[in-house]
PDB file of N, CA and C in Angstrom:
ATOM      1  N   MET A   1      90.740  82.363 124.170  1.00  0.00           N
ATOM      2  CA  MET A   1      92.027  83.175 124.634  1.00  0.00           C
ATOM      3  C   MET A   1      92.463  82.399 125.837  1.00  0.00           C
ATOM      4  N   SER A   2      93.640  82.000 125.840  1.00  0.00           N
ATOM      5  CA  SER A   2      94.208  81.508 126.814  1.00  0.00           C
ATOM      6  C   SER A   2      94.349  82.300 127.935  1.00  0.00           C
ATOM      7  N   GLY A   3      94.255  81.665 129.377  1.00  0.00           N
ATOM      8  CA  GLY A   3      94.956  82.529 130.261  1.00  0.00           C
ATOM      9  C   GLY A   3      96.459  83.344 130.457  1.00  0.00           C
ATOM     10  N   ALA A   4      97.344  82.549 129.510  1.00  0.00           N
ATOM     11  CA  ALA A   4      98.598  83.120 129.552  1.00  0.00           C
ATOM     12  C   ALA A   4      98.694  84.196 128.686  1.00  0.00           C
ATOM     13  N   VAL A   5      97.713  84.160 127.575  1.00  0.00           N
ATOM     14  CA  VAL A   5      97.686  85.536 126.621  1.00  0.00           C
ATOM     15  C   VAL A   5      97.000  86.285 127.496  1.00  0.00           C
ATOM     16  N   LYS A   6      96.160  86.106 128.078  1.00  0.00           N
ATOM     17  CA  LYS A   6      95.736  87.461 128.974  1.00  0.00           C
ATOM     18  C   LYS A   6      96.696  88.156 129.906  1.00  0.00           C
ATOM     19  N   ARG A   7      97.744  87.527 130.359  1.00  0.00           N
ATOM     20  CA  ARG A   7      98.618  88.297 131.242  1.00  0.00           C
ATOM     21  C   ARG A   7      99.565  88.855 130.277  1.00  0.00           C
ATOM     22  N   ILE A   8      99.828  88.946 128.969  1.00  0.00           N
ATOM     23  CA  ILE A   8     100.736  89.399 128.383  1.00  0.00           C
ATOM     24  C   ILE A   8      99.999  90.875 127.982  1.00  0.00           C
ATOM     25  N   ILE A   9     100.491  92.184 128.332  1.00  0.00           N
ATOM     26  CA  ILE A   9      99.807  93.256 128.126  1.00  0.00           C
ATOM     27  C   ILE A   9     101.078  93.889 127.130  1.00  0.00           C
ATOM     28  N   PRO A  10     100.708  94.340 126.100  1.00  0.00           N
ATOM     29  CA  PRO A  10     102.119  95.021 125.367  1.00  0.00           C
ATOM     30  C   PRO A  10     101.919  96.469 126.009  1.00  0.00           C
ATOM     31  N   LEU A  11     103.420  96.973 125.647  1.00  0.00           N
ATOM     32  CA  LEU A  11     103.612  98.369 126.137  1.00  0.00           C
ATOM     33  C   LEU A  11     103.619  99.464 125.102  1.00  0.00           C
ATOM     34  N   PHE A  12     103.224 100.648 125.574  1.00  0.00           N
ATOM     35  CA  PHE A  12     103.222 101.854 124.490  1.00  0.00           C
ATOM     36  C   PHE A  12     102.223 101.346 123.247  1.00  0.00           C
ATOM     37  N   ASP A  13     102.881 101.350 122.155  1.00  0.00           N
ATOM     38  CA  ASP A  13     101.783 101.118 120.842  1.00  0.00           C
ATOM     39  C   ASP A  13     101.927  99.798 120.173  1.00  0.00           C
ATOM     40  N   ARG A  14     102.550  98.918 120.984  1.00  0.00           N
ATOM     41  CA  ARG A  14     102.904  97.265 120.506  1.00  0.00           C
ATOM     42  C   ARG A  14     100.855  96.698 120.723  1.00  0.00           C
ATOM     43  N   VAL A  15     101.167  95.722 119.458  1.00  0.00           N
ATOM     44  CA  VAL A  15     100.054  94.995 119.292  1.00  0.00           C
ATOM     45  C   VAL A  15     100.201  93.694 119.305  1.00  0.00           C
ATOM     46  N   LEU A  16      99.632  92.493 120.120  1.00  0.00           N
ATOM     47  CA  LEU A  16      99.748  91.291 120.153  1.00  0.00           C
ATOM     48  C   LEU A  16      98.968  90.649 119.081  1.00  0.00           C
ATOM     49  N   ILE A  17      99.592  89.883 118.303  1.00  0.00           N
ATOM     50  CA  ILE A  17      98.647  89.282 116.955  1.00  0.00           C
ATOM     51  C   ILE A  17      98.818  87.774 116.728  1.00  0.00           C
ATOM     52  N   GLN A  18      97.813  87.405 116.437  1.00  0.00           N
ATOM     53  CA  GLN A  18      97.928  85.793 116.246  1.00  0.00           C
ATOM     54  C   GLN A  18      97.485  85.547 114.780  1.00  0.00           C
ATOM     55  N   LYS A  19      98.421  85.060 114.144  1.00  0.00           N
ATOM     56  CA  LYS A  19      98.364  84.846 112.623  1.00  0.00           C
ATOM     57  C   LYS A  19      97.428  83.702 112.161  1.00  0.00           C
ATOM     58  N   PHE A  20      96.706  84.016 111.129  1.00  0.00           N
ATOM     59  CA  PHE A  20      96.126  82.677 110.624  1.00  0.00           C
ATOM     60  C   PHE A  20      96.936  81.784 110.019  1.00  0.00           C
ATOM     61  N   LYS A  21      96.586  80.669 110.200  1.00  0.00           N
ATOM     62  CA  LYS A  21      97.253  79.406 109.282  1.00  0.00           C
ATOM     63  C   LYS A  21      97.028  78.997 108.104  1.00  0.00           C
ATOM     64  N   ALA A  22      97.525  78.941 107.504  1.00  0.00           N
ATOM     65  CA  ALA A  22      97.221  78.630 106.066  1.00  0.00           C
ATOM     66  C   ALA A  22      96.852  77.008 105.759  1.00  0.00           C
ATOM     67  N   PRO A  23      95.699  76.998 104.968  1.00  0.00           N
ATOM     68  CA  PRO A  23      95.239  75.682 105.163  1.00  0.00           C
ATOM     69  C   PRO A  23      96.422  74.506 104.875  1.00  0.00           C
ATOM     70  N   GLU A  24      96.278  73.270 105.684  1.00  0.00           N
ATOM     71  CA  GLU A  24      97.182  72.216 105.594  1.00  0.00           C
ATOM     72  C   GLU A  24      96.824  71.019 104.592  1.00  0.00           C
ATOM     73  N   ARG A  25      95.405  71.225 104.157  1.00  0.00           N
ATOM     74  CA  ARG A  25      95.076  70.036 103.098  1.00  0.00           C
ATOM     75  C   ARG A  25      94.220  70.756 101.942  1.00  0.00           C
ATOM     76  N   THR A  26      94.156  70.094 100.872  1.00  0.00           N
ATOM     77  CA  THR A  26      93.175  70.631  99.710  1.00  0.00           C
ATOM     78  C   THR A  26      91.867  70.138 100.103  1.00  0.00           C
ATOM     79  N   ALA A  27      90.934  70.987  99.358  1.00  0.00           N
ATOM     80  CA  ALA A  27      89.699  70.656  99.539  1.00  0.00           C
ATOM     81  C   ALA A  27      89.316  69.051  99.231  1.00  0.00           C
ATOM     82  N   SER A  28      90.063  68.335  98.448  1.00  0.00           N
ATOM     83  CA  SER A  28      89.921  66.871  98.343  1.00  0.00           C
ATOM     84  C   SER A  28      90.363  66.194  99.596  1.00  0.00           C
ATOM     85  N   GLY A  29      91.286  66.848 100.516  1.00  0.00           N
ATOM     86  CA  GLY A  29      91.779  66.146 101.622  1.00  0.00           C
ATOM     87  C   GLY A  29      92.953  65.657 101.330  1.00  0.00           C
ATOM     88  N   LEU A  30      93.860  66.158 100.166  1.00  0.00           N
ATOM     89  CA  LEU A  30      95.377  66.000 100.377  1.00  0.00           C
ATOM     90  C   LEU A  30      95.980  67.198 100.801  1.00  0.00           C
ATOM     91  N   PHE A  31      97.318  66.579 101.869  1.00  0.00           N
ATOM     92  CA  PHE A  31      98.027  67.135 102.332  1.00  0.00           C
ATOM     93  C   PHE A  31      98.601  68.162 101.589  1.00  0.00           C
ATOM     94  N   ILE A  32      99.206  69.356 101.704  1.00  0.00           N
ATOM     95  CA  ILE A  32      99.732  70.536 101.219  1.00  0.00           C
ATOM     96  C   ILE A  32     101.188  70.397 101.978  1.00  0.00           C
ATOM     97  N   PRO A  33     102.545  69.963 100.958  1.00  0.00           N
ATOM     98  CA  PRO A  33     103.573  70.373 101.821  1.00  0.00           C
ATOM     99  C   PRO A  33     103.944  71.644 102.381  1.00  0.00           C
ATOM    100  N   GLU A  34     104.821  71.547 103.578  1.00  0.00           N
ATOM    101  CA  GLU A  34     104.795  72.769 104.026  1.00  0.00           C
ATOM    102  C   GLU A  34     105.438  73.945 103.499  1.00  0.00           C
ATOM    103  N   LYS A  35     106.352  73.538 102.241  1.00  0.00           N
ATOM    104  CA  LYS A  35     107.338  74.403 101.578  1.00  0.00           C
ATOM    105  C   LYS A  35     106.082  75.061 100.854  1.00  0.00           C
ATOM    106  N   ALA A  36     105.134  74.185 100.240  1.00  0.00           N
ATOM    107  CA  ALA A  36     104.045  74.714  99.130  1.00  0.00           C
ATOM    108  C   ALA A  36     102.880  75.767  99.892  1.00  0.00           C
ATOM    109  N   GLN A  37     102.871  75.872 101.213  1.00  0.00           N
ATOM    110  CA  GLN A  37     101.643  76.270 101.589  1.00  0.00           C
ATOM    111  C   GLN A  37     101.905  77.857 101.576  1.00  0.00           C
ATOM    112  N   GLU A  38     100.948  78.600 101.277  1.00  0.00           N
ATOM    113  CA  GLU A  38     100.942  79.979 100.903  1.00  0.00           C
ATOM    114  C   GLU A  38     101.130  80.559 102.261  1.00  0.00           C
ATOM    115  N   THR A  39     101.871  81.733 102.487  1.00  0.00           N
ATOM    116  CA  THR A  39     101.914  82.509 103.811  1.00  0.00           C
ATOM    117  C   THR A  39     100.706  83.640 103.588  1.00  0.00           C
ATOM    118  N   LEU A  40     100.172  83.713 104.866  1.00  0.00           N
ATOM    119  CA  LEU A  40      98.818  84.358 104.993  1.00  0.00           C
ATOM    120  C   LEU A  40      99.583  85.773 105.955  1.00  0.00           C
ATOM    121  N   ASN A  41      99.189  86.887 105.268  1.00  0.00           N
ATOM    122  CA  ASN A  41      99.312  87.761 106.078  1.00  0.00           C
ATOM    123  C   ASN A  41      98.321  88.508 106.558  1.00  0.00           C
ATOM    124  N   GLU A  42      97.658  87.638 107.254  1.00  0.00           N
ATOM    125  CA  GLU A  42      96.052  88.317 108.365  1.00  0.00           C
ATOM    126  C   GLU A  42      96.461  87.805 109.621  1.00  0.00           C
ATOM    127  N   GLY A  43      96.069  88.535 110.368  1.00  0.00           N
ATOM    128  CA  GLY A  43      95.899  88.023 111.860  1.00  0.00           C
ATOM    129  C   GLY A  43      94.748  88.720 112.568  1.00  0.00           C
ATOM    130  N   VAL A  44      94.740  88.200 114.024  1.00  0.00           N
ATOM    131  CA  VAL A  44      93.620  88.896 114.502  1.00  0.00           C
ATOM    132  C   VAL A  44      94.176  89.341 115.801  1.00  0.00           C
ATOM    133  N   VAL A  45      93.855  90.369 116.090  1.00  0.00           N
ATOM    134  CA  VAL A  45      94.689  91.154 117.561  1.00  0.00           C
ATOM    135  C   VAL A  45      94.172  90.410 118.579  1.00  0.00           C
ATOM    136  N   VAL A  46      95.021  90.097 119.534  1.00  0.00           N
ATOM    137  CA  VAL A  46      95.009  89.459 120.674  1.00  0.00           C
ATOM    138  C   VAL A  46      94.824  90.612 121.869  1.00  0.00           C
ATOM    139  N   ALA A  47      95.482  91.201 121.826  1.00  0.00           N
ATOM    140  CA  ALA A  47      95.834  92.552 122.822  1.00  0.00           C
ATOM    141  C   ALA A  47      96.695  93.604 122.584  1.00  0.00           C
ATOM    142  N   VAL A  48      96.625  94.873 122.926  1.00  0.00           N
ATOM    143  CA  VAL A  48      96.726  96.330 122.361  1.00  0.00           C
ATOM    144  C   VAL A  48      97.542  96.750 123.754  1.00  0.00           C
ATOM    145  N   GLY A  49      98.369  97.768 123.647  1.00  0.00           N
ATOM    146  CA  GLY A  49      98.707  98.724 124.600  1.00  0.00           C
ATOM    147  C   GLY A  49      98.114  99.898 124.707  1.00  0.00           C
ATOM    148  N   PRO A  50      98.509 100.536 125.593  1.00  0.00           N
ATOM    149  CA  PRO A  50      97.601 101.919 125.868  1.00  0.00           C
ATOM    150  C   PRO A  50      97.923 103.041 124.826  1.00  0.00           C
ATOM    151  N   GLY A  51      99.113 102.867 123.843  1.00  0.00           N
ATOM    152  CA  GLY A  51      99.246 103.823 123.078  1.00  0.00           C
ATOM    153  C   GLY A  51     100.835 104.774 123.461  1.00  0.00           C
ATOM    154  N   ALA A  52     101.537 105.407 122.464  1.00  0.00           N
ATOM    155  CA  ALA A  52     102.643 106.027 122.890  1.00  0.00           C
ATOM    156  C   ALA A  52     102.162 107.695 122.920  1.00  0.00           C
ATOM    157  N   ALA A  53     103.180 108.293 123.500  1.00  0.00           N
ATOM    158  CA  ALA A  53     103.126 109.803 123.576  1.00  0.00           C
ATOM    159  C   ALA A  53     103.911 110.213 122.311  1.00  0.00           C
ATOM    160  N   ASP A  54     103.351 111.410 121.915  1.00  0.00           N
ATOM    161  CA  ASP A  54     103.725 112.057 120.922  1.00  0.00           C
ATOM    162  C   ASP A  54     104.771 112.934 121.015  1.00  0.00           C
ATOM    163  N   LYS A  55     105.445 114.094 120.193  1.00  0.00           N
ATOM    164  CA  LYS A  55     106.526 114.331 120.533  1.00  0.00           C
ATOM    165  C   LYS A  55     106.111 115.597 121.779  1.00  0.00           C
ATOM    166  N   ASP A  56     104.740 116.100 121.791  1.00  0.00           N
ATOM    167  CA  ASP A  56     104.481 117.114 122.781  1.00  0.00           C
ATOM    168  C   ASP A  56     104.057 116.303 124.141  1.00  0.00           C
ATOM    169  N   GLY A  57     104.088 115.036 124.094  1.00  0.00           N
ATOM    170  CA  GLY A  57     103.640 114.171 125.487  1.00  0.00           C
ATOM    171  C   GLY A  57     102.179 113.694 125.599  1.00  0.00           C
ATOM    172  N   VAL A  58     101.494 114.192 124.381  1.00  0.00           N
ATOM    173  CA  VAL A  58     100.306 113.676 124.205  1.00  0.00           C
ATOM    174  C   VAL A  58     100.269 111.888 123.921  1.00  0.00           C
ATOM    175  N   LEU A  59      99.244 111.477 124.988  1.00  0.00           N
ATOM    176  CA  LEU A  59      98.986 109.912 124.504  1.00  0.00           C
ATOM    177  C   LEU A  59      98.462 109.710 123.103  1.00  0.00           C
ATOM    178  N   ARG A  60      98.852 109.231 122.247  1.00  0.00           N
ATOM    179  CA  ARG A  60      98.133 108.818 121.160  1.00  0.00           C
ATOM    180  C   ARG A  60      97.740 107.142 121.245  1.00  0.00           C
ATOM    181  N   PRO A  61      96.555 106.875 120.823  1.00  0.00           N
ATOM    182  CA  PRO A  61      96.066 105.832 121.303  1.00  0.00           C
ATOM    183  C   PRO A  61      96.217 104.904 120.052  1.00  0.00           C
ATOM    184  N   VAL A  62      96.069 103.484 120.318  1.00  0.00           N
ATOM    185  CA  VAL A  62      96.366 102.571 119.417  1.00  0.00           C
ATOM    186  C   VAL A  62      95.187 102.574 118.429  1.00  0.00           C
ATOM    187  N   ALA A  63      95.186 102.284 116.925  1.00  0.00           N
ATOM    188  CA  ALA A  63      94.300 102.131 116.008  1.00  0.00           C
ATOM    189  C   ALA A  63      93.454 101.098 116.062  1.00  0.00           C
ATOM    190  N   VAL A  64      93.803 100.130 116.563  1.00  0.00           N
ATOM    191  CA  VAL A  64      93.187  98.653 116.522  1.00  0.00           C
ATOM    192  C   VAL A  64      92.578  98.471 117.899  1.00  0.00           C
ATOM    193  N   LYS A  65      91.634  97.459 117.737  1.00  0.00           N
ATOM    194  CA  LYS A  65      90.835  96.966 119.202  1.00  0.00           C
ATOM    195  C   LYS A  65      91.169  95.510 119.193  1.00  0.00           C
ATOM    196  N   GLU A  66      91.191  94.856 120.332  1.00  0.00           N
ATOM    197  CA  GLU A  66      91.111  93.304 120.173  1.00  0.00           C
ATOM    198  C   GLU A  66      89.756  92.601 119.560  1.00  0.00           C
ATOM    199  N   GLY A  67      90.399  91.744 118.882  1.00  0.00           N
ATOM    200  CA  GLY A  67      89.358  91.172 118.200  1.00  0.00           C
ATOM    201  C   GLY A  67      89.429  91.521 116.682  1.00  0.00           C
ATOM    202  N   GLU A  68      89.922  92.346 116.259  1.00  0.00           N
ATOM    203  CA  GLU A  68      89.725  92.885 114.847  1.00  0.00           C
ATOM    204  C   GLU A  68      90.794  92.070 114.072  1.00  0.00           C
ATOM    205  N   ARG A  69      90.589  92.040 112.897  1.00  0.00           N
ATOM    206  CA  ARG A  69      91.290  91.370 111.765  1.00  0.00           C
ATOM    207  C   ARG A  69      92.338  92.381 111.363  1.00  0.00           C
ATOM    208  N   VAL A  70      93.388  92.184 110.980  1.00  0.00           N
ATOM    209  CA  VAL A  70      94.642  93.155 110.210  1.00  0.00           C
ATOM    210  C   VAL A  70      95.194  92.332 109.013  1.00  0.00           C
ATOM    211  N   LEU A  71      95.788  93.254 108.149  1.00  0.00           N
ATOM    212  CA  LEU A  71      96.611  92.765 107.402  1.00  0.00           C
ATOM    213  C   LEU A  71      98.275  93.226 107.828  1.00  0.00           C
ATOM    214  N   LEU A  72      98.889  92.305 107.866  1.00  0.00           N
ATOM    215  CA  LEU A  72     100.254  92.303 108.207  1.00  0.00           C
ATOM    216  C   LEU A  72     101.368  92.517 107.301  1.00  0.00           C
ATOM    217  N   PRO A  73     102.494  93.278 107.499  1.00  0.00           N
ATOM    218  CA  PRO A  73     103.529  93.133 106.577  1.00  0.00           C
ATOM    219  C   PRO A  73     104.205  91.800 105.994  1.00  0.00           C
ATOM    220  N   SER A  74     104.837  91.526 105.386  1.00  0.00           N
ATOM    221  CA  SER A  74     105.531  90.045 105.029  1.00  0.00           C
ATOM    222  C   SER A  74     106.489  89.663 106.161  1.00  0.00           C
ATOM    223  N   TYR A  75     107.296  90.868 106.414  1.00  0.00           N
ATOM    224  CA  TYR A  75     108.563  90.561 107.460  1.00  0.00           C
ATOM    225  C   TYR A  75     108.234  91.550 108.480  1.00  0.00           C
ATOM    226  N   GLY A  76     108.894  90.925 109.596  1.00  0.00           N
ATOM    227  CA  GLY A  76     108.857  92.007 111.025  1.00  0.00           C
ATOM    228  C   GLY A  76     107.934  91.227 111.950  1.00  0.00           C
ATOM    229  N   GLY A  77     107.818  92.000 112.981  1.00  0.00           N
ATOM    230  CA  GLY A  77     107.248  91.364 114.278  1.00  0.00           C
ATOM    231  C   GLY A  77     108.094  90.583 115.149  1.00  0.00           C
ATOM    232  N   SER A  78     107.652  90.674 116.383  1.00  0.00           N
ATOM    233  CA  SER A  78     108.763  89.831 117.187  1.00  0.00           C
ATOM    234  C   SER A  78     107.769  88.686 117.789  1.00  0.00           C
ATOM    235  N   SER A  79     108.403  87.461 117.492  1.00  0.00           N
ATOM    236  CA  SER A  79     107.905  86.118 117.992  1.00  0.00           C
ATOM    237  C   SER A  79     107.502  86.036 119.085  1.00  0.00           C
ATOM    238  N   VAL A  80     106.517  85.615 119.850  1.00  0.00           N
ATOM    239  CA  VAL A  80     106.336  85.473 121.277  1.00  0.00           C
ATOM    240  C   VAL A  80     105.743  83.850 121.296  1.00  0.00           C
ATOM    241  N   LYS A  81     106.391  82.906 121.631  1.00  0.00           N
ATOM    242  CA  LYS A  81     105.854  81.577 121.656  1.00  0.00           C
ATOM    243  C   LYS A  81     104.962  81.010 123.162  1.00  0.00           C
ATOM    244  N   ILE A  82     103.941  80.903 123.190  1.00  0.00           N
ATOM    245  CA  ILE A  82     103.507  80.607 124.724  1.00  0.00           C
ATOM    246  C   ILE A  82     102.623  79.204 124.172  1.00  0.00           C
ATOM    247  N   GLY A  83     103.418  78.141 125.267  1.00  0.00           N
ATOM    248  CA  GLY A  83     102.837  76.674 124.554  1.00  0.00           C
ATOM    249  C   GLY A  83     103.111  76.645 123.338  1.00  0.00           C
ATOM    250  N   GLU A  84     101.868  75.924 122.569  1.00  0.00           N
ATOM    251  CA  GLU A  84     101.835  75.512 121.160  1.00  0.00           C
ATOM    252  C   GLU A  84     101.719  76.723 120.229  1.00  0.00           C
ATOM    253  N   LYS A  85     101.213  77.782 121.026  1.00  0.00           N
ATOM    254  CA  LYS A  85     100.947  78.819 119.875  1.00  0.00           C
ATOM    255  C   LYS A  85     101.990  79.859 119.597  1.00  0.00           C
ATOM    256  N   GLU A  86     101.750  80.214 118.533  1.00  0.00           N
ATOM    257  CA  GLU A  86     103.004  81.594 118.190  1.00  0.00           C
ATOM    258  C   GLU A  86     102.125  82.726 117.883  1.00  0.00           C
ATOM    259  N   TYR A  87     102.732  84.038 118.587  1.00  0.00           N
ATOM    260  CA  TYR A  87     101.918  85.017 118.680  1.00  0.00           C
ATOM    261  C   TYR A  87     103.252  85.871 118.294  1.00  0.00           C
ATOM    262  N   PHE A  88     102.985  87.353 117.609  1.00  0.00           N
ATOM    263  CA  PHE A  88     103.765  88.364 117.274  1.00  0.00           C
ATOM    264  C   PHE A  88     103.495  89.690 117.513  1.00  0.00           C
ATOM    265  N   LEU A  89     104.187  90.303 118.069  1.00  0.00           N
ATOM    266  CA  LEU A  89     104.215  91.764 118.644  1.00  0.00           C
ATOM    267  C   LEU A  89     104.562  92.700 117.670  1.00  0.00           C
ATOM    268  N   TYR A  90     103.655  93.413 117.212  1.00  0.00           N
ATOM    269  CA  TYR A  90     104.005  94.810 116.183  1.00  0.00           C
ATOM    270  C   TYR A  90     104.038  96.177 116.657  1.00  0.00           C
ATOM    271  N   LYS A  91     104.490  97.003 115.946  1.00  0.00           N
ATOM    272  CA  LYS A  91     104.214  98.301 116.741  1.00  0.00           C
ATOM    273  C   LYS A  91     102.800  98.903 115.723  1.00  0.00           C
ATOM    274  N   ASP A  92     102.278  99.571 116.423  1.00  0.00           N
ATOM    275  CA  ASP A  92     100.800 100.123 115.657  1.00  0.00           C
ATOM    276  C   ASP A  92     101.085 100.431 114.313  1.00  0.00           C
ATOM    277  N   SER A  93     102.254 101.325 114.044  1.00  0.00           N
ATOM    278  CA  SER A  93     102.609 101.894 112.898  1.00  0.00           C
ATOM    279  C   SER A  93     102.905 100.828 111.594  1.00  0.00           C
ATOM    280  N   GLU A  94     103.365  99.815 112.048  1.00  0.00           N
ATOM    281  CA  GLU A  94     103.796  98.564 111.250  1.00  0.00           C
ATOM    282  C   GLU A  94     102.744  98.037 110.384  1.00  0.00           C
ATOM    283  N   LEU A  95     101.100  97.784 111.174  1.00  0.00           N
ATOM    284  CA  LEU A  95     100.417  97.128 110.587  1.00  0.00           C
ATOM    285  C   LEU A  95      99.697  98.083 109.481  1.00  0.00           C
ATOM    286  N   LEU A  96      99.521  97.074 108.283  1.00  0.00           N
ATOM    287  CA  LEU A  96      99.075  97.730 106.944  1.00  0.00           C
ATOM    288  C   LEU A  96      97.547  98.164 107.000  1.00  0.00           C
ATOM    289  N   ALA A  97      96.779  97.341 107.274  1.00  0.00           N
ATOM    290  CA  ALA A  97      95.366  97.713 107.321  1.00  0.00           C
ATOM    291  C   ALA A  97      94.624  96.751 108.192  1.00  0.00           C
ATOM    292  N   ARG A  98      93.180  97.479 108.555  1.00  0.00           N
ATOM    293  CA  ARG A  98      92.286  96.537 109.278  1.00  0.00           C
ATOM    294  C   ARG A  98      91.021  96.373 108.250  1.00  0.00           C
ATOM    295  N   LEU A  99      91.112  94.848 108.509  1.00  0.00           N
ATOM    296  CA  LEU A  99      89.947  93.901 107.503  1.00  0.00           C
ATOM    297  C   LEU A  99      88.467  94.078 108.235  1.00  0.00           C
ATOM    298  N   GLU A 100      87.643  94.561 107.486  1.00  0.00           N
ATOM    299  CA  GLU A 100      86.247  94.095 107.663  1.00  0.00           C
ATOM    300  C   GLU A 100      85.924  93.044 106.886  1.00  0.00           C
ATOM    301  N   ASN A 101      84.632  92.334 107.698  1.00  0.00           N
ATOM    302  CA  ASN A 101      83.969  91.251 106.989  1.00  0.00           C
ATOM    303  C   ASN A 101      82.987  91.603 105.690  1.00  0.00           C
TER     304      ASN A 101
END
């Protein structure tokens, strides 16, 4: 993880995600055109916020931890570009599932 990403600390129940990239080549080495590449709705959690307060004022922690793989919705998230890498900020409630190996 780069030093710049460590400085981004999401607020409230936000989660910083780095999406997995679709393969750019086939198994035989042929390049896949960008429009033909499938979109992967998986990512790894890079940073998490402390959580958000519920209506009673009790802090509700985020459901995922750094390093976990998650399933993402097809649309949504706020794009954050740092250098050459692109990250996305999602609310904890927008994440669809946690993926286990």
